[in-house]
PDB file of N, CA and C in Angstrom:
ATOM      1  N   MET A   1     115.273 123.264 -28.945  1.00  0.00           N
ATOM      2  CA  MET A   1     116.595 122.812 -29.325  1.00  0.00           C
ATOM      3  C   MET A   1     117.526 124.008 -29.473  1.00  0.00           C
ATOM      4  N   ALA A   2     118.671 123.955 -28.836  1.00  0.00           N
ATOM      5  CA  ALA A   2     119.639 125.051 -28.911  1.00  0.00           C
ATOM      6  C   ALA A   2     120.160 125.188 -30.344  1.00  0.00           C
ATOM      7  N   ARG A   3     120.284 126.419 -30.762  1.00  0.00           N
ATOM      8  CA  ARG A   3     120.753 126.710 -32.122  1.00  0.00           C
ATOM      9  C   ARG A   3     121.745 127.862 -32.064  1.00  0.00           C
ATOM     10  N   PRO A   4     122.987 127.633 -32.471  1.00  0.00           N
ATOM     11  CA  PRO A   4     123.956 128.735 -32.442  1.00  0.00           C
ATOM     12  C   PRO A   4     123.568 129.830 -33.437  1.00  0.00           C
ATOM     13  N   TYR A   5     123.764 131.074 -33.025  1.00  0.00           N
ATOM     14  CA  TYR A   5     123.551 132.183 -33.936  1.00  0.00           C
ATOM     15  C   TYR A   5     124.605 132.125 -35.033  1.00  0.00           C
ATOM     16  N   ASP A   6     124.187 132.294 -36.287  1.00  0.00           N
ATOM     17  CA  ASP A   6     125.142 132.319 -37.392  1.00  0.00           C
ATOM     18  C   ASP A   6     125.673 133.748 -37.572  1.00  0.00           C
ATOM     19  N   GLU A   7     126.485 133.949 -38.571  1.00  0.00           N
ATOM     20  CA  GLU A   7     127.123 135.259 -38.774  1.00  0.00           C
ATOM     21  C   GLU A   7     126.085 136.359 -38.995  1.00  0.00           C
ATOM     22  N   ASN A   8     125.023 136.081 -39.733  1.00  0.00           N
ATOM     23  CA  ASN A   8     123.982 137.095 -39.947  1.00  0.00           C
ATOM     24  C   ASN A   8     123.284 137.449 -38.641  1.00  0.00           C
ATOM     25  N   HIS A   9     123.033 136.444 -37.814  1.00  0.00           N
ATOM     26  CA  HIS A   9     122.418 136.689 -36.506  1.00  0.00           C
ATOM     27  C   HIS A   9     123.346 137.529 -35.629  1.00  0.00           C
ATOM     28  N   ARG A  10     124.634 137.179 -35.649  1.00  0.00           N
ATOM     29  CA  ARG A  10     125.596 137.928 -34.821  1.00  0.00           C
ATOM     30  C   ARG A  10     125.703 139.375 -35.289  1.00  0.00           C
ATOM     31  N   GLU A  11     125.604 139.597 -36.582  1.00  0.00           N
ATOM     32  CA  GLU A  11     125.624 140.976 -37.097  1.00  0.00           C
ATOM     33  C   GLU A  11     124.412 141.749 -36.574  1.00  0.00           C
ATOM     34  N   ALA A  12     123.252 141.127 -36.584  1.00  0.00           N
ATOM     35  CA  ALA A  12     122.047 141.764 -36.048  1.00  0.00           C
ATOM     36  C   ALA A  12     122.211 142.051 -34.555  1.00  0.00           C
ATOM     37  N   LEU A  13     122.863 141.166 -33.837  1.00  0.00           N
ATOM     38  CA  LEU A  13     123.116 141.386 -32.405  1.00  0.00           C
ATOM     39  C   LEU A  13     124.098 142.529 -32.190  1.00  0.00           C
ATOM     40  N   ARG A  14     125.131 142.617 -33.037  1.00  0.00           N
ATOM     41  CA  ARG A  14     126.101 143.717 -32.918  1.00  0.00           C
ATOM     42  C   ARG A  14     125.413 145.071 -33.082  1.00  0.00           C
ATOM     43  N   ASP A  15     124.386 145.120 -33.925  1.00  0.00           N
ATOM     44  CA  ASP A  15     123.643 146.370 -34.125  1.00  0.00           C
ATOM     45  C   ASP A  15     122.879 146.790 -32.866  1.00  0.00           C
ATOM     46  N   GLN A  16     122.752 145.885 -31.900  1.00  0.00           N
ATOM     47  CA  GLN A  16     122.000 146.165 -30.676  1.00  0.00           C
ATOM     48  C   GLN A  16     122.903 146.355 -29.453  1.00  0.00           C
ATOM     49  N   LEU A  17     124.206 146.452 -29.652  1.00  0.00           N
ATOM     50  CA  LEU A  17     125.147 146.526 -28.523  1.00  0.00           C
ATOM     51  C   LEU A  17     124.885 147.698 -27.586  1.00  0.00           C
ATOM     52  N   ALA A  18     124.298 148.760 -28.075  1.00  0.00           N
ATOM     53  CA  ALA A  18     124.030 149.920 -27.211  1.00  0.00           C
ATOM     54  C   ALA A  18     122.877 149.659 -26.238  1.00  0.00           C
ATOM     55  N   LEU A  19     122.097 148.630 -26.503  1.00  0.00           N
ATOM     56  CA  LEU A  19     120.952 148.309 -25.644  1.00  0.00           C
ATOM     57  C   LEU A  19     121.365 147.375 -24.507  1.00  0.00           C
ATOM     58  N   PRO A  20     120.700 147.487 -23.363  1.00  0.00           N
ATOM     59  CA  PRO A  20     120.921 146.478 -22.321  1.00  0.00           C
ATOM     60  C   PRO A  20     120.506 145.104 -22.857  1.00  0.00           C
ATOM     61  N   VAL A  21     121.130 144.045 -22.367  1.00  0.00           N
ATOM     62  CA  VAL A  21     120.842 142.694 -22.848  1.00  0.00           C
ATOM     63  C   VAL A  21     119.350 142.392 -22.779  1.00  0.00           C
ATOM     64  N   ALA A  22     118.695 142.800 -21.712  1.00  0.00           N
ATOM     65  CA  ALA A  22     117.266 142.515 -21.532  1.00  0.00           C
ATOM     66  C   ALA A  22     116.378 143.218 -22.559  1.00  0.00           C
ATOM     67  N   GLU A  23     116.929 144.193 -23.295  1.00  0.00           N
ATOM     68  CA  GLU A  23     116.151 144.899 -24.309  1.00  0.00           C
ATOM     69  C   GLU A  23     116.512 144.477 -25.728  1.00  0.00           C
ATOM     70  N   ARG A  24     117.450 143.557 -25.866  1.00  0.00           N
ATOM     71  CA  ARG A  24     117.847 143.099 -27.195  1.00  0.00           C
ATOM     72  C   ARG A  24     116.851 142.072 -27.714  1.00  0.00           C
ATOM     73  N   THR A  25     116.718 142.038 -29.049  1.00  0.00           N
ATOM     74  CA  THR A  25     115.766 141.159 -29.714  1.00  0.00           C
ATOM     75  C   THR A  25     116.498 139.995 -30.368  1.00  0.00           C
ATOM     76  N   CYS A  26     115.971 138.797 -30.190  1.00  0.00           N
ATOM     77  CA  CYS A  26     116.558 137.603 -30.796  1.00  0.00           C
ATOM     78  C   CYS A  26     116.423 137.683 -32.315  1.00  0.00           C
ATOM     79  N   PRO A  27     117.519 137.505 -33.044  1.00  0.00           N
ATOM     80  CA  PRO A  27     117.448 137.561 -34.503  1.00  0.00           C
ATOM     81  C   PRO A  27     116.820 136.314 -35.130  1.00  0.00           C
ATOM     82  N   ILE A  28     116.542 135.286 -34.351  1.00  0.00           N
ATOM     83  CA  ILE A  28     115.884 134.091 -34.882  1.00  0.00           C
ATOM     84  C   ILE A  28     114.372 134.176 -34.719  1.00  0.00           C
ATOM     85  N   CYS A  29     113.914 134.461 -33.486  1.00  0.00           N
ATOM     86  CA  CYS A  29     112.469 134.392 -33.207  1.00  0.00           C
ATOM     87  C   CYS A  29     111.830 135.744 -32.877  1.00  0.00           C
ATOM     88  N   ALA A  30     112.626 136.799 -32.790  1.00  0.00           N
ATOM     89  CA  ALA A  30     112.166 138.170 -32.505  1.00  0.00           C
ATOM     90  C   ALA A  30     111.698 138.373 -31.064  1.00  0.00           C
ATOM     91  N   HIS A  31     111.993 137.434 -30.167  1.00  0.00           N
ATOM     92  CA  HIS A  31     111.689 137.603 -28.742  1.00  0.00           C
ATOM     93  C   HIS A  31     112.579 138.717 -28.188  1.00  0.00           C
ATOM     94  N   THR A  32     112.014 139.634 -27.421  1.00  0.00           N
ATOM     95  CA  THR A  32     112.792 140.681 -26.780  1.00  0.00           C
ATOM     96  C   THR A  32     113.073 140.275 -25.349  1.00  0.00           C
ATOM     97  N   GLY A  33     114.328 140.358 -24.967  1.00  0.00           N
ATOM     98  CA  GLY A  33     114.724 140.004 -23.609  1.00  0.00           C
ATOM     99  C   GLY A  33     115.730 138.875 -23.598  1.00  0.00           C
ATOM    100  N   LEU A  34     116.909 139.117 -24.160  1.00  0.00           N
ATOM    101  CA  LEU A  34     117.952 138.090 -24.149  1.00  0.00           C
ATOM    102  C   LEU A  34     118.561 137.981 -22.759  1.00  0.00           C
ATOM    103  N   ARG A  35     119.344 136.950 -22.553  1.00  0.00           N
ATOM    104  CA  ARG A  35     119.988 136.699 -21.266  1.00  0.00           C
ATOM    105  C   ARG A  35     121.476 136.477 -21.494  1.00  0.00           C
ATOM    106  N   SER A  36     122.254 136.714 -20.445  1.00  0.00           N
ATOM    107  CA  SER A  36     123.698 136.493 -20.555  1.00  0.00           C
ATOM    108  C   SER A  36     124.209 135.783 -19.310  1.00  0.00           C
ATOM    109  N   TYR A  37     125.312 135.073 -19.511  1.00  0.00           N
ATOM    110  CA  TYR A  37     125.979 134.349 -18.425  1.00  0.00           C
ATOM    111  C   TYR A  37     127.471 134.452 -18.677  1.00  0.00           C
ATOM    112  N   HIS A  38     128.242 134.632 -17.602  1.00  0.00           N
ATOM    113  CA  HIS A  38     129.696 134.747 -17.697  1.00  0.00           C
ATOM    114  C   HIS A  38     130.340 133.775 -16.704  1.00  0.00           C
ATOM    115  N   HIS A  39     131.329 133.050 -17.184  1.00  0.00           N
ATOM    116  CA  HIS A  39     132.080 132.132 -16.330  1.00  0.00           C
ATOM    117  C   HIS A  39     133.552 132.512 -16.411  1.00  0.00           C
ATOM    118  N   GLU A  40     134.127 132.802 -15.271  1.00  0.00           N
ATOM    119  CA  GLU A  40     135.536 133.202 -15.227  1.00  0.00           C
ATOM    120  C   GLU A  40     136.423 131.962 -15.164  1.00  0.00           C
ATOM    121  N   GLU A  41     137.426 131.928 -16.021  1.00  0.00           N
ATOM    122  CA  GLU A  41     138.387 130.826 -16.074  1.00  0.00           C
ATOM    123  C   GLU A  41     139.720 131.309 -15.512  1.00  0.00           C
ATOM    124  N   PHE A  42     140.337 130.482 -14.696  1.00  0.00           N
ATOM    125  CA  PHE A  42     141.658 130.785 -14.143  1.00  0.00           C
ATOM    126  C   PHE A  42     142.650 129.760 -14.680  1.00  0.00           C
ATOM    127  N   GLY A  43     143.883 129.831 -14.256  1.00  0.00           N
ATOM    128  CA  GLY A  43     144.884 128.867 -14.681  1.00  0.00           C
ATOM    129  C   GLY A  43     145.626 129.281 -15.928  1.00  0.00           C
ATOM    130  N   ARG A  44     145.419 130.453 -16.381  1.00  0.00           N
ATOM    131  CA  ARG A  44     146.141 131.011 -17.528  1.00  0.00           C
ATOM    132  C   ARG A  44     147.002 132.151 -17.007  1.00  0.00           C
ATOM    133  N   SER A  45     147.731 132.794 -17.897  1.00  0.00           N
ATOM    134  CA  SER A  45     148.563 133.910 -17.452  1.00  0.00           C
ATOM    135  C   SER A  45     147.702 135.048 -16.912  1.00  0.00           C
ATOM    136  N   SER A  46     146.479 135.165 -17.420  1.00  0.00           N
ATOM    137  CA  SER A  46     145.535 136.148 -16.884  1.00  0.00           C
ATOM    138  C   SER A  46     144.127 135.544 -16.972  1.00  0.00           C
ATOM    139  N   PRO A  47     143.238 135.955 -16.090  1.00  0.00           N
ATOM    140  CA  PRO A  47     141.880 135.399 -16.108  1.00  0.00           C
ATOM    141  C   PRO A  47     141.171 135.695 -17.430  1.00  0.00           C
ATOM    142  N   SER A  48     140.268 134.809 -17.808  1.00  0.00           N
ATOM    143  CA  SER A  48     139.479 134.990 -19.018  1.00  0.00           C
ATOM    144  C   SER A  48     138.020 134.667 -18.707  1.00  0.00           C
ATOM    145  N   MET A  49     137.145 135.031 -19.628  1.00  0.00           N
ATOM    146  CA  MET A  49     135.712 134.805 -19.456  1.00  0.00           C
ATOM    147  C   MET A  49     135.171 133.974 -20.611  1.00  0.00           C
ATOM    148  N   ILE A  50     134.321 133.045 -20.266  1.00  0.00           N
ATOM    149  CA  ILE A  50     133.475 132.377 -21.247  1.00  0.00           C
ATOM    150  C   ILE A  50     132.121 133.055 -21.119  1.00  0.00           C
ATOM    151  N   ASN A  51     131.617 133.589 -22.221  1.00  0.00           N
ATOM    152  CA  ASN A  51     130.392 134.372 -22.222  1.00  0.00           C
ATOM    153  C   ASN A  51     129.322 133.680 -23.057  1.00  0.00           C
ATOM    154  N   TYR A  52     128.109 133.662 -22.560  1.00  0.00           N
ATOM    155  CA  TYR A  52     126.961 133.136 -23.304  1.00  0.00           C
ATOM    156  C   TYR A  52     125.906 134.223 -23.381  1.00  0.00           C
ATOM    157  N   LEU A  53     125.334 134.393 -24.570  1.00  0.00           N
ATOM    158  CA  LEU A  53     124.198 135.262 -24.802  1.00  0.00           C
ATOM    159  C   LEU A  53     123.147 134.369 -25.440  1.00  0.00           C
ATOM    160  N   TRP A  54     121.934 134.322 -24.882  1.00  0.00           N
ATOM    161  CA  TRP A  54     120.938 133.417 -25.440  1.00  0.00           C
ATOM    162  C   TRP A  54     119.536 133.977 -25.304  1.00  0.00           C
ATOM    163  N   CYS A  55     118.661 133.382 -26.103  1.00  0.00           N
ATOM    164  CA  CYS A  55     117.242 133.711 -26.081  1.00  0.00           C
ATOM    165  C   CYS A  55     116.527 132.651 -25.248  1.00  0.00           C
ATOM    166  N   PRO A  56     115.776 133.051 -24.216  1.00  0.00           N
ATOM    167  CA  PRO A  56     115.078 132.071 -23.405  1.00  0.00           C
ATOM    168  C   PRO A  56     113.881 131.448 -24.124  1.00  0.00           C
ATOM    169  N   ASP A  57     113.466 132.030 -25.230  1.00  0.00           N
ATOM    170  CA  ASP A  57     112.296 131.549 -25.954  1.00  0.00           C
ATOM    171  C   ASP A  57     112.655 130.421 -26.932  1.00  0.00           C
ATOM    172  N   CYS A  58     113.667 130.641 -27.798  1.00  0.00           N
ATOM    173  CA  CYS A  58     114.006 129.643 -28.825  1.00  0.00           C
ATOM    174  C   CYS A  58     115.357 128.969 -28.582  1.00  0.00           C
ATOM    175  N   HIS A  59     116.100 129.422 -27.577  1.00  0.00           N
ATOM    176  CA  HIS A  59     117.439 128.919 -27.251  1.00  0.00           C
ATOM    177  C   HIS A  59     118.443 129.119 -28.382  1.00  0.00           C
ATOM    178  N   GLY A  60     118.238 130.198 -29.168  1.00  0.00           N
ATOM    179  CA  GLY A  60     119.314 130.655 -30.025  1.00  0.00           C
ATOM    180  C   GLY A  60     120.389 131.201 -29.104  1.00  0.00           C
ATOM    181  N   TYR A  61     121.676 130.971 -29.443  1.00  0.00           N
ATOM    182  CA  TYR A  61     122.728 131.408 -28.523  1.00  0.00           C
ATOM    183  C   TYR A  61     124.020 131.734 -29.254  1.00  0.00           C
ATOM    184  N   TYR A  62     124.872 132.444 -28.545  1.00  0.00           N
ATOM    185  CA  TYR A  62     126.226 132.760 -28.995  1.00  0.00           C
ATOM    186  C   TYR A  62     127.138 132.630 -27.793  1.00  0.00           C
ATOM    187  N   SER A  63     128.282 132.000 -27.985  1.00  0.00           N
ATOM    188  CA  SER A  63     129.271 131.930 -26.907  1.00  0.00           C
ATOM    189  C   SER A  63     130.584 132.496 -27.416  1.00  0.00           C
ATOM    190  N   SER A  64     131.322 133.079 -26.490  1.00  0.00           N
ATOM    191  CA  SER A  64     132.622 133.658 -26.842  1.00  0.00           C
ATOM    192  C   SER A  64     133.577 133.498 -25.669  1.00  0.00           C
ATOM    193  N   PHE A  65     134.834 133.647 -25.975  1.00  0.00           N
ATOM    194  CA  PHE A  65     135.905 133.532 -25.003  1.00  0.00           C
ATOM    195  C   PHE A  65     136.687 134.837 -25.076  1.00  0.00           C
ATOM    196  N   THR A  66     136.756 135.581 -23.969  1.00  0.00           N
ATOM    197  CA  THR A  66     137.431 136.881 -23.975  1.00  0.00           C
ATOM    198  C   THR A  66     138.327 137.022 -22.749  1.00  0.00           C
ATOM    199  N   ALA A  67     139.221 137.972 -22.817  1.00  0.00           N
ATOM    200  CA  ALA A  67     140.045 138.300 -21.648  1.00  0.00           C
ATOM    201  C   ALA A  67     139.151 138.933 -20.593  1.00  0.00           C
ATOM    202  N   ALA A  68     139.365 138.582 -19.343  1.00  0.00           N
ATOM    203  CA  ALA A  68     138.568 139.161 -18.254  1.00  0.00           C
ATOM    204  C   ALA A  68     139.029 140.568 -17.927  1.00  0.00           C
ATOM    205  N   ASP A  69     140.248 140.894 -18.363  1.00  0.00           N
ATOM    206  CA  ASP A  69     140.829 142.195 -18.054  1.00  0.00           C
ATOM    207  C   ASP A  69     140.699 142.458 -16.556  1.00  0.00           C
ATOM    208  N   ARG A  70     140.065 143.554 -16.198  1.00  0.00           N
ATOM    209  CA  ARG A  70     139.930 143.884 -14.778  1.00  0.00           C
ATOM    210  C   ARG A  70     138.517 143.643 -14.285  1.00  0.00           C
ATOM    211  N   HIS A  71     137.801 142.735 -14.933  1.00  0.00           N
ATOM    212  CA  HIS A  71     136.422 142.466 -14.542  1.00  0.00           C
ATOM    213  C   HIS A  71     136.278 141.062 -13.970  1.00  0.00           C
ATOM    214  N   THR A  72     135.293 140.914 -13.128  1.00  0.00           N
ATOM    215  CA  THR A  72     134.915 139.628 -12.571  1.00  0.00           C
ATOM    216  C   THR A  72     133.398 139.635 -12.402  1.00  0.00           C
ATOM    217  N   VAL A  73     132.817 138.502 -12.087  1.00  0.00           N
ATOM    218  CA  VAL A  73     131.370 138.447 -11.855  1.00  0.00           C
ATOM    219  C   VAL A  73     131.104 138.326 -10.366  1.00  0.00           C
ATOM    220  N   ASP A  74     129.930 138.801  -9.945  1.00  0.00           N
ATOM    221  CA  ASP A  74     129.608 138.779  -8.518  1.00  0.00           C
ATOM    222  C   ASP A  74     129.369 137.366  -8.012  1.00  0.00           C
ATOM    223  N   ARG A  75     128.857 136.478  -8.854  1.00  0.00           N
ATOM    224  CA  ARG A  75     128.635 135.088  -8.449  1.00  0.00           C
ATOM    225  C   ARG A  75     128.503 134.233  -9.710  1.00  0.00           C
ATOM    226  N   ASP A  76     128.713 132.944  -9.529  1.00  0.00           N
ATOM    227  CA  ASP A  76     128.605 132.009 -10.650  1.00  0.00           C
ATOM    228  C   ASP A  76     127.871 130.769 -10.151  1.00  0.00           C
ATOM    229  N   PRO A  77     126.535 130.765 -10.227  1.00  0.00           N
ATOM    230  CA  PRO A  77     125.775 129.640  -9.683  1.00  0.00           C
ATOM    231  C   PRO A  77     126.073 128.320 -10.381  1.00  0.00           C
ATOM    232  N   LEU A  78     126.417 128.359 -11.656  1.00  0.00           N
ATOM    233  CA  LEU A  78     126.741 127.128 -12.372  1.00  0.00           C
ATOM    234  C   LEU A  78     128.027 126.507 -11.828  1.00  0.00           C
ATOM    235  N   ALA A  79     129.036 127.334 -11.604  1.00  0.00           N
ATOM    236  CA  ALA A  79     130.298 126.837 -11.044  1.00  0.00           C
ATOM    237  C   ALA A  79     130.100 126.349  -9.607  1.00  0.00           C
ATOM    238  N   GLU A  80     129.265 127.049  -8.855  1.00  0.00           N
ATOM    239  CA  GLU A  80     128.998 126.631  -7.478  1.00  0.00           C
ATOM    240  C   GLU A  80     128.335 125.256  -7.447  1.00  0.00           C
ATOM    241  N   ALA A  81     127.443 124.997  -8.388  1.00  0.00           N
ATOM    242  CA  ALA A  81     126.709 123.732  -8.406  1.00  0.00           C
ATOM    243  C   ALA A  81     127.496 122.588  -9.034  1.00  0.00           C
ATOM    244  N   HIS A  82     128.352 122.907 -10.017  1.00  0.00           N
ATOM    245  CA  HIS A  82     129.002 121.844 -10.782  1.00  0.00           C
ATOM    246  C   HIS A  82     130.516 121.787 -10.631  1.00  0.00           C
ATOM    247  N   GLY A  83     131.112 122.790 -10.018  1.00  0.00           N
ATOM    248  CA  GLY A  83     132.542 122.785  -9.722  1.00  0.00           C
ATOM    249  C   GLY A  83     133.415 122.324 -10.869  1.00  0.00           C
ATOM    250  N   ASP A  84     134.190 121.280 -10.644  1.00  0.00           N
ATOM    251  CA  ASP A  84     135.136 120.783 -11.648  1.00  0.00           C
ATOM    252  C   ASP A  84     134.454 120.173 -12.869  1.00  0.00           C
ATOM    253  N   ARG A  85     133.157 119.922 -12.797  1.00  0.00           N
ATOM    254  CA  ARG A  85     132.420 119.332 -13.909  1.00  0.00           C
ATOM    255  C   ARG A  85     131.829 120.384 -14.848  1.00  0.00           C
ATOM    256  N   ILE A  86     132.138 121.653 -14.625  1.00  0.00           N
ATOM    257  CA  ILE A  86     131.508 122.715 -15.418  1.00  0.00           C
ATOM    258  C   ILE A  86     131.828 122.586 -16.910  1.00  0.00           C
ATOM    259  N   ALA A  87     133.031 122.177 -17.270  1.00  0.00           N
ATOM    260  CA  ALA A  87     133.374 122.018 -18.689  1.00  0.00           C
ATOM    261  C   ALA A  87     132.491 120.952 -19.335  1.00  0.00           C
ATOM    262  N   GLU A  88     132.214 119.889 -18.609  1.00  0.00           N
ATOM    263  CA  GLU A  88     131.334 118.829 -19.105  1.00  0.00           C
ATOM    264  C   GLU A  88     129.919 119.360 -19.327  1.00  0.00           C
ATOM    265  N   VAL A  89     129.419 120.144 -18.396  1.00  0.00           N
ATOM    266  CA  VAL A  89     128.081 120.725 -18.507  1.00  0.00           C
ATOM    267  C   VAL A  89     128.008 121.651 -19.717  1.00  0.00           C
ATOM    268  N   MET A  90     129.065 122.397 -19.984  1.00  0.00           N
ATOM    269  CA  MET A  90     129.076 123.356 -21.091  1.00  0.00           C
ATOM    270  C   MET A  90     129.144 122.681 -22.458  1.00  0.00           C
ATOM    271  N   ARG A  91     129.474 121.404 -22.516  1.00  0.00           N
ATOM    272  CA  ARG A  91     129.536 120.698 -23.803  1.00  0.00           C
ATOM    273  C   ARG A  91     128.152 120.389 -24.376  1.00  0.00           C
ATOM    274  N   ASP A  92     127.113 120.503 -23.570  1.00  0.00           N
ATOM    275  CA  ASP A  92     125.747 120.237 -24.007  1.00  0.00           C
ATOM    276  C   ASP A  92     124.975 121.553 -24.012  1.00  0.00           C
ATOM    277  N   PRO A  93     124.953 122.262 -25.149  1.00  0.00           N
ATOM    278  CA  PRO A  93     124.322 123.593 -25.169  1.00  0.00           C
ATOM    279  C   PRO A  93     122.865 123.594 -24.693  1.00  0.00           C
ATOM    280  N   GLU A  94     122.061 122.640 -25.115  1.00  0.00           N
ATOM    281  CA  GLU A  94     120.657 122.645 -24.711  1.00  0.00           C
ATOM    282  C   GLU A  94     120.528 122.436 -23.204  1.00  0.00           C
ATOM    283  N   GLY A  95     121.277 121.482 -22.663  1.00  0.00           N
ATOM    284  CA  GLY A  95     121.245 121.254 -21.222  1.00  0.00           C
ATOM    285  C   GLY A  95     121.747 122.461 -20.449  1.00  0.00           C
ATOM    286  N   LEU A  96     122.809 123.084 -20.955  1.00  0.00           N
ATOM    287  CA  LEU A  96     123.368 124.276 -20.315  1.00  0.00           C
ATOM    288  C   LEU A  96     122.332 125.395 -20.273  1.00  0.00           C
ATOM    289  N   LEU A  97     121.683 125.654 -21.399  1.00  0.00           N
ATOM    290  CA  LEU A  97     120.708 126.750 -21.439  1.00  0.00           C
ATOM    291  C   LEU A  97     119.506 126.455 -20.562  1.00  0.00           C
ATOM    292  N   ARG A  98     119.081 125.198 -20.473  1.00  0.00           N
ATOM    293  CA  ARG A  98     117.984 124.849 -19.550  1.00  0.00           C
ATOM    294  C   ARG A  98     118.395 125.116 -18.106  1.00  0.00           C
ATOM    295  N   LEU A  99     119.649 124.741 -17.755  1.00  0.00           N
ATOM    296  CA  LEU A  99     120.146 125.028 -16.400  1.00  0.00           C
ATOM    297  C   LEU A  99     120.172 126.530 -16.133  1.00  0.00           C
ATOM    298  N   LEU A 100     120.718 127.291 -17.089  1.00  0.00           N
ATOM    299  CA  LEU A 100     120.810 128.743 -16.914  1.00  0.00           C
ATOM    300  C   LEU A 100     119.428 129.380 -16.828  1.00  0.00           C
ATOM    301  N   ASP A 101     118.469 128.902 -17.638  1.00  0.00           N
ATOM    302  CA  ASP A 101     117.099 129.411 -17.523  1.00  0.00           C
ATOM    303  C   ASP A 101     116.554 129.144 -16.120  1.00  0.00           C
ATOM    304  N   GLY A 102     116.881 127.985 -15.553  1.00  0.00           N
ATOM    305  CA  GLY A 102     116.446 127.664 -14.193  1.00  0.00           C
ATOM    306  C   GLY A 102     117.038 128.618 -13.169  1.00  0.00           C
ATOM    307  N   TYR A 103     118.309 128.987 -13.359  1.00  0.00           N
ATOM    308  CA  TYR A 103     118.934 129.958 -12.450  1.00  0.00           C
ATOM    309  C   TYR A 103     118.262 131.322 -12.569  1.00  0.00           C
ATOM    310  N   TRP A 104     117.841 131.714 -13.778  1.00  0.00           N
ATOM    311  CA  TRP A 104     117.107 132.967 -13.950  1.00  0.00           C
ATOM    312  C   TRP A 104     115.777 132.892 -13.229  1.00  0.00           C
ATOM    313  N   ALA A 105     115.063 131.800 -13.424  1.00  0.00           N
ATOM    314  CA  ALA A 105     113.748 131.655 -12.775  1.00  0.00           C
ATOM    315  C   ALA A 105     113.891 131.662 -11.257  1.00  0.00           C
ATOM    316  N   GLY A 106     114.992 131.106 -10.747  1.00  0.00           N
ATOM    317  CA  GLY A 106     115.217 131.052  -9.308  1.00  0.00           C
ATOM    318  C   GLY A 106     115.854 132.299  -8.722  1.00  0.00           C
ATOM    319  N   GLY A 107     116.237 133.256  -9.570  1.00  0.00           N
ATOM    320  CA  GLY A 107     116.815 134.508  -9.089  1.00  0.00           C
ATOM    321  C   GLY A 107     118.320 134.497  -8.889  1.00  0.00           C
ATOM    322  N   SER A 108     119.006 133.408  -9.254  1.00  0.00           N
ATOM    323  CA  SER A 108     120.472 133.357  -9.116  1.00  0.00           C
ATOM    324  C   SER A 108     121.182 134.109 -10.237  1.00  0.00           C
ATOM    325  N   LEU A 109     120.511 134.351 -11.331  1.00  0.00           N
ATOM    326  CA  LEU A 109     121.023 135.142 -12.447  1.00  0.00           C
ATOM    327  C   LEU A 109     120.000 136.252 -12.663  1.00  0.00           C
ATOM    328  N   PRO A 110     120.370 137.393 -13.192  1.00  0.00           N
ATOM    329  CA  PRO A 110     121.610 137.710 -13.886  1.00  0.00           C
ATOM    330  C   PRO A 110     122.764 138.036 -12.942  1.00  0.00           C
ATOM    331  N   GLN A 111     123.944 138.037 -13.519  1.00  0.00           N
ATOM    332  CA  GLN A 111     125.150 138.399 -12.777  1.00  0.00           C
ATOM    333  C   GLN A 111     125.431 139.884 -12.959  1.00  0.00           C
ATOM    334  N   ARG A 112     126.224 140.409 -12.038  1.00  0.00           N
ATOM    335  CA  ARG A 112     126.731 141.775 -12.186  1.00  0.00           C
ATOM    336  C   ARG A 112     128.219 141.689 -12.465  1.00  0.00           C
ATOM    337  N   MET A 113     128.690 142.532 -13.361  1.00  0.00           N
ATOM    338  CA  MET A 113     130.128 142.618 -13.645  1.00  0.00           C
ATOM    339  C   MET A 113     130.734 143.594 -12.654  1.00  0.00           C
ATOM    340  N   LEU A 114     131.806 143.186 -12.017  1.00  0.00           N
ATOM    341  CA  LEU A 114     132.487 143.995 -11.020  1.00  0.00           C
ATOM    342  C   LEU A 114     133.908 144.278 -11.470  1.00  0.00           C
ATOM    343  N   ARG A 115     134.451 145.386 -11.005  1.00  0.00           N
ATOM    344  CA  ARG A 115     135.872 145.689 -11.257  1.00  0.00           C
ATOM    345  C   ARG A 115     136.697 144.846 -10.314  1.00  0.00           C
ATOM    346  N   ARG A 116     137.696 144.194 -10.855  1.00  0.00           N
ATOM    347  CA  ARG A 116     138.612 143.394 -10.054  1.00  0.00           C
ATOM    348  C   ARG A 116     139.562 144.346  -9.323  1.00  0.00           C
ATOM    349  N   SER A 117     139.785 144.106  -8.043  1.00  0.00           N
ATOM    350  CA  SER A 117     140.705 144.955  -7.305  1.00  0.00           C
ATOM    351  C   SER A 117     142.132 144.645  -7.728  1.00  0.00           C
ATOM    352  N   ARG A 118     142.953 145.637  -7.689  1.00  0.00           N
ATOM    353  CA  ARG A 118     144.386 145.431  -8.020  1.00  0.00           C
ATOM    354  C   ARG A 118     145.009 144.613  -6.920  1.00  0.00           C
ATOM    355  N   GLY A 119     145.934 143.791  -7.301  1.00  0.00           N
ATOM    356  CA  GLY A 119     146.556 143.040  -6.250  1.00  0.00           C
ATOM    357  C   GLY A 119     147.379 142.004  -6.715  1.00  0.00           C
TER     358      GLY A 119
END
C-alpha cells in the first residue's frame, strides 16, 4: 500500500541529497535503492515538473511540483502510454507506483535529465 512520506521522513531524505537516488535509503523500511520519476507539464507560462521519489519495497513516496527551469527528461513512458489520461493515473498513488515499477523492470526507467535548448 502506498504511503506518503511524512515530514520526518522527508527530513531524513533531505539528509541524503548528496547521494544518487539509487543509493538513498527509505526512511520507512530502510530499503536502499529509491527510484524517481519526472513528468513535464506544459500549458503554463513556463514548463514545470511533477516529481516522484519512491521506495520499490514498501511504496513509501514523496511527490513535488517544481519549475522545470532549463531541464527536461529524455523520455516519459507513462505519458507515452497514457497521454491525456496521465492526470487520472496519477490520482491513484498505489496504481501509479505499480506502473512505474513495471517501467523500471522493463528498462523504460530511469530517466535522464537533459538541458533544454534555448529557443
